[in-house]
Amino acid sequence: MKELEDRIRNEGTVKAGNVLKVDAFLNHQCDVTLFDHMGAEWARLFAGKRIDKILTIEASGIGIACCAARHFGNVPVVFAKKAQSINLDGEQYMTTVYSFTKRQEFPIIVSKRFLSPGEHVLLIDDFLANGKAMHGLLDLCAAAGVTVEGIGIAVEKGFQGGGDELRARGYAVESLAIVKSMDARTGNIEFA
């Protein structure tokens, strides 16, 4: 998606350690018009698929998932919480994932009330690097007995292999911008 690539090129910052900072429009300050365009593109890419719900992980995936939901007939958005709280009651699906940017493992939790066997879900997230977060969501989906119709990613760091591995496993992964390479020294970003 050229619009997203242009924003990354113009406003993104490459940091040491393969970190791409896009907080001006994607995962701190949110450009809702851009999110709406991204949702429309995922709706085009996943046209013809049955989507009952969109599933993401808090926090950065929530905004883009909510905007995307409008383009799938205003389906509900469910997000996996990263911590147990008193608001999480009843039976739950839970697994752990390792965060590339936070460099730690954390739980992700979804109440069983919000994922039901037989439903068809679309997974959406802001970044895909090594695929650990997606594997966690896929584990929750398997436990819930739902069908994963596809995975929508805003920015995939293609050089880290997570997307390739998920595609090799048969998942329909649609990334709107795939970073082929980036250089913290020069700030250069190349897209696939």
Protein backbone atom coordinates (compact mmCIF):
# COMPACT_ATOMS: atom_id res chain seq x y z
CA MET A 1 0.00 0.00 0.00
CA LYS A 2 1.82 3.03 -1.30
CA GLU A 3 0.19 5.47 1.13
CA LEU A 4 1.53 3.54 4.12
CA GLU A 5 4.97 3.06 2.56
CA ASP A 6 5.19 6.82 1.90
CA ARG A 7 4.29 7.60 5.50
CA ILE A 8 6.93 5.15 6.75
CA ARG A 9 9.54 6.65 4.43
CA ASN A 10 8.69 10.25 5.36
CA GLU A 11 7.90 9.94 9.06
CA GLY A 12 9.42 6.64 10.21
CA THR A 13 12.73 6.38 12.03
CA VAL A 14 15.07 3.41 11.91
CA LYS A 15 16.69 2.68 15.25
CA ALA A 16 19.50 0.32 16.18
CA GLY A 17 18.48 -3.28 16.74
CA ASN A 18 16.11 -3.47 13.74
CA VAL A 19 13.53 -1.19 15.34
CA LEU A 20 11.27 0.84 13.05
CA LYS A 21 9.65 3.73 14.90
CA VAL A 22 6.32 4.82 13.38
CA ASP A 23 4.73 6.33 16.46
CA ALA A 24 3.78 9.59 14.69
CA PHE A 25 0.94 7.87 12.82
CA LEU A 26 0.60 4.17 13.67
CA ASN A 27 1.26 3.07 17.23
CA HIS A 28 1.31 6.07 19.55
CA GLN A 29 -0.38 8.91 17.69
CA CYS A 30 -3.02 7.39 15.41
CA ASP A 31 -3.92 8.67 11.95
CA VAL A 32 -7.51 7.47 11.76
CA THR A 33 -7.88 8.37 8.08
CA LEU A 34 -4.87 6.20 7.28
CA PHE A 35 -6.33 3.42 9.46
CA ASP A 36 -9.60 3.66 7.51
CA HIS A 37 -7.72 3.34 4.21
CA MET A 38 -5.84 0.33 5.60
CA GLY A 39 -9.14 -1.28 6.62
CA ALA A 40 -10.54 -0.74 3.13
CA GLU A 41 -7.47 -2.40 1.64
CA TRP A 42 -7.75 -5.44 3.91
CA ALA A 43 -11.44 -5.69 3.00
CA ARG A 44 -10.41 -5.77 -0.66
CA LEU A 45 -7.66 -8.33 -0.03
CA PHE A 46 -9.92 -10.61 2.03
CA ALA A 47 -13.05 -10.12 -0.10
CA GLY A 48 -15.19 -13.23 -0.24
CA LYS A 49 -13.94 -14.57 3.10
CA ARG A 50 -16.39 -15.05 5.92
CA ILE A 51 -15.27 -12.80 8.78
CA ASP A 52 -17.31 -13.01 12.00
CA LYS A 53 -14.80 -11.22 14.23
CA ILE A 54 -11.44 -9.48 14.12
CA LEU A 55 -8.88 -10.52 16.73
CA THR A 56 -5.82 -8.50 17.75
CA ILE A 57 -3.53 -7.90 20.74
CA GLU A 58 -3.59 -4.82 22.93
CA ALA A 59 -2.60 -2.10 22.52
CA SER A 60 -1.35 -1.03 19.09
CA GLY A 61 -3.54 -3.39 17.11
CA ILE A 62 -6.81 -2.14 18.60
CA GLY A 63 -7.14 1.11 16.64
CA ILE A 64 -6.42 -0.39 13.25
CA ALA A 65 -8.63 -3.41 13.98
CA CYS A 66 -11.56 -1.15 14.93
CA CYS A 67 -11.21 0.92 11.76
CA ALA A 68 -10.91 -2.25 9.68
CA ALA A 69 -14.05 -3.74 11.28
CA ARG A 70 -16.18 -1.06 9.62
CA HIS A 71 -15.13 -2.46 6.23
CA PHE A 72 -16.17 -5.99 7.20
CA GLY A 73 -19.77 -5.08 8.08
CA ASN A 74 -18.97 -3.69 11.53
CA VAL A 75 -17.99 -7.08 12.94
CA PRO A 76 -16.90 -7.15 16.60
CA VAL A 77 -13.25 -6.61 17.46
CA VAL A 78 -11.80 -8.77 20.22
CA PHE A 79 -8.40 -8.01 21.67
CA ALA A 80 -6.18 -10.28 23.69
CA LYS A 81 -5.26 -8.62 26.97
CA LYS A 82 -1.67 -8.69 28.14
CA ALA A 83 -2.42 -8.92 31.83
CA GLN A 84 -4.90 -10.55 34.14
CA SER A 85 -7.32 -8.08 35.72
CA ILE A 86 -10.46 -8.12 37.85
CA ASN A 87 -12.42 -7.30 34.68
CA LEU A 88 -11.47 -10.67 33.18
CA ASP A 89 -13.95 -13.09 34.65
CA GLY A 90 -15.10 -16.57 33.73
CA GLU A 91 -13.20 -19.06 31.63
CA GLN A 92 -10.34 -17.83 29.47
CA TYR A 93 -8.02 -18.83 26.69
CA MET A 94 -4.44 -17.97 27.62
CA THR A 95 -0.97 -18.40 26.20
CA THR A 96 2.33 -16.51 26.37
CA VAL A 97 4.21 -14.60 23.68
CA TYR A 98 7.63 -13.03 23.45
CA SER A 99 7.68 -9.34 22.50
CA PHE A 100 10.49 -8.29 20.14
CA THR A 101 10.26 -4.62 21.13
CA LYS A 102 9.77 -5.16 24.88
CA ARG A 103 12.22 -8.06 24.98
CA GLN A 104 10.11 -10.04 27.43
CA GLU A 105 7.49 -12.74 27.56
CA PHE A 106 3.96 -11.87 28.59
CA PRO A 107 0.58 -13.61 28.76
CA ILE A 108 -2.22 -12.94 26.30
CA ILE A 109 -5.74 -13.66 27.44
CA VAL A 110 -9.19 -13.75 25.80
CA SER A 111 -12.41 -14.54 27.60
CA LYS A 112 -14.07 -17.66 26.22
CA ARG A 113 -17.29 -15.61 25.91
CA PHE A 114 -15.80 -13.72 22.96
CA LEU A 115 -14.39 -16.55 20.80
CA SER A 116 -16.75 -19.40 19.99
CA PRO A 117 -16.12 -22.66 18.14
CA GLY A 118 -17.07 -22.40 14.48
CA GLU A 119 -16.51 -18.65 14.16
CA HIS A 120 -14.33 -17.27 11.38
CA VAL A 121 -11.79 -14.64 12.43
CA LEU A 122 -9.34 -12.26 10.82
CA LEU A 123 -6.19 -11.52 12.80
CA ILE A 124 -4.90 -7.95 12.54
CA ASP A 125 -1.83 -6.33 14.06
CA ASP A 126 0.40 -3.32 13.49
CA PHE A 127 3.73 -5.18 13.12
CA LEU A 128 4.96 -8.60 12.12
CA ALA A 129 8.64 -9.32 12.72
CA ASN A 130 9.49 -12.83 13.87
CA GLY A 131 5.84 -13.86 14.23
CA LYS A 132 5.72 -14.57 17.97
CA ALA A 133 2.60 -12.45 18.62
CA MET A 134 0.78 -14.07 15.69
CA HIS A 135 1.71 -17.53 16.95
CA GLY A 136 0.14 -16.60 20.28
CA LEU A 137 -3.08 -15.46 18.61
CA LEU A 138 -3.10 -18.62 16.48
CA ASP A 139 -2.73 -20.71 19.66
CA LEU A 140 -5.75 -18.93 21.16
CA CYS A 141 -7.73 -19.51 17.95
CA ALA A 142 -6.86 -23.22 17.93
CA ALA A 143 -7.93 -23.55 21.57
CA ALA A 144 -11.21 -21.76 20.78
CA GLY A 145 -11.96 -23.89 17.72
CA VAL A 146 -12.27 -20.89 15.39
CA THR A 147 -11.21 -20.73 11.75
CA VAL A 148 -8.51 -18.20 10.90
CA GLU A 149 -9.46 -16.72 7.52
CA GLY A 150 -6.36 -14.58 7.25
CA ILE A 151 -3.81 -12.32 8.88
CA GLY A 152 -3.71 -8.59 8.13
CA ILE A 153 -0.52 -6.78 9.04
CA ALA A 154 0.20 -3.06 8.70
CA VAL A 155 4.01 -3.32 8.60
CA GLU A 156 5.92 -6.56 8.07
CA LYS A 157 9.66 -6.64 8.60
CA GLY A 158 10.19 -9.17 5.82
CA PHE A 159 13.85 -9.68 6.64
CA GLN A 160 12.93 -11.19 10.03
CA GLY A 161 11.07 -14.14 8.50
CA GLY A 162 7.86 -14.25 10.54
CA GLY A 163 5.61 -13.62 7.55
CA ASP A 164 7.38 -16.16 5.37
CA GLU A 165 7.02 -18.82 8.06
CA LEU A 166 3.28 -18.14 8.48
CA ARG A 167 2.74 -18.22 4.70
CA ALA A 168 4.65 -21.53 4.52
CA ARG A 169 2.21 -22.90 7.11
CA GLY A 170 -0.66 -22.02 4.76
CA TYR A 171 -1.94 -18.79 6.29
CA ALA A 172 -3.12 -15.96 4.03
CA VAL A 173 -0.90 -13.12 5.27
CA GLU A 174 -1.61 -9.71 3.74
CA SER A 175 0.89 -7.08 4.82
CA LEU A 176 0.26 -3.54 3.60
CA ALA A 177 3.95 -2.59 3.72
CA ILE A 178 6.78 -5.12 3.70
CA VAL A 179 10.16 -3.73 4.73
CA LYS A 180 12.86 -5.56 2.80
CA SER A 181 15.74 -3.83 4.55
CA MET A 182 16.47 -0.85 6.75
CA ASP A 183 19.63 0.82 7.98
CA ALA A 184 19.83 2.69 11.28
CA ARG A 185 23.04 4.44 10.18
CA THR A 186 21.60 5.98 7.01
CA GLY A 187 17.89 5.86 7.87
CA ASN A 188 17.27 4.12 4.55
CA ILE A 189 14.19 1.89 4.27
CA GLU A 190 13.57 -0.39 1.29
CA PHE A 191 10.25 -2.10 0.61
CA ALA A 192 9.61 -5.45 -1.07
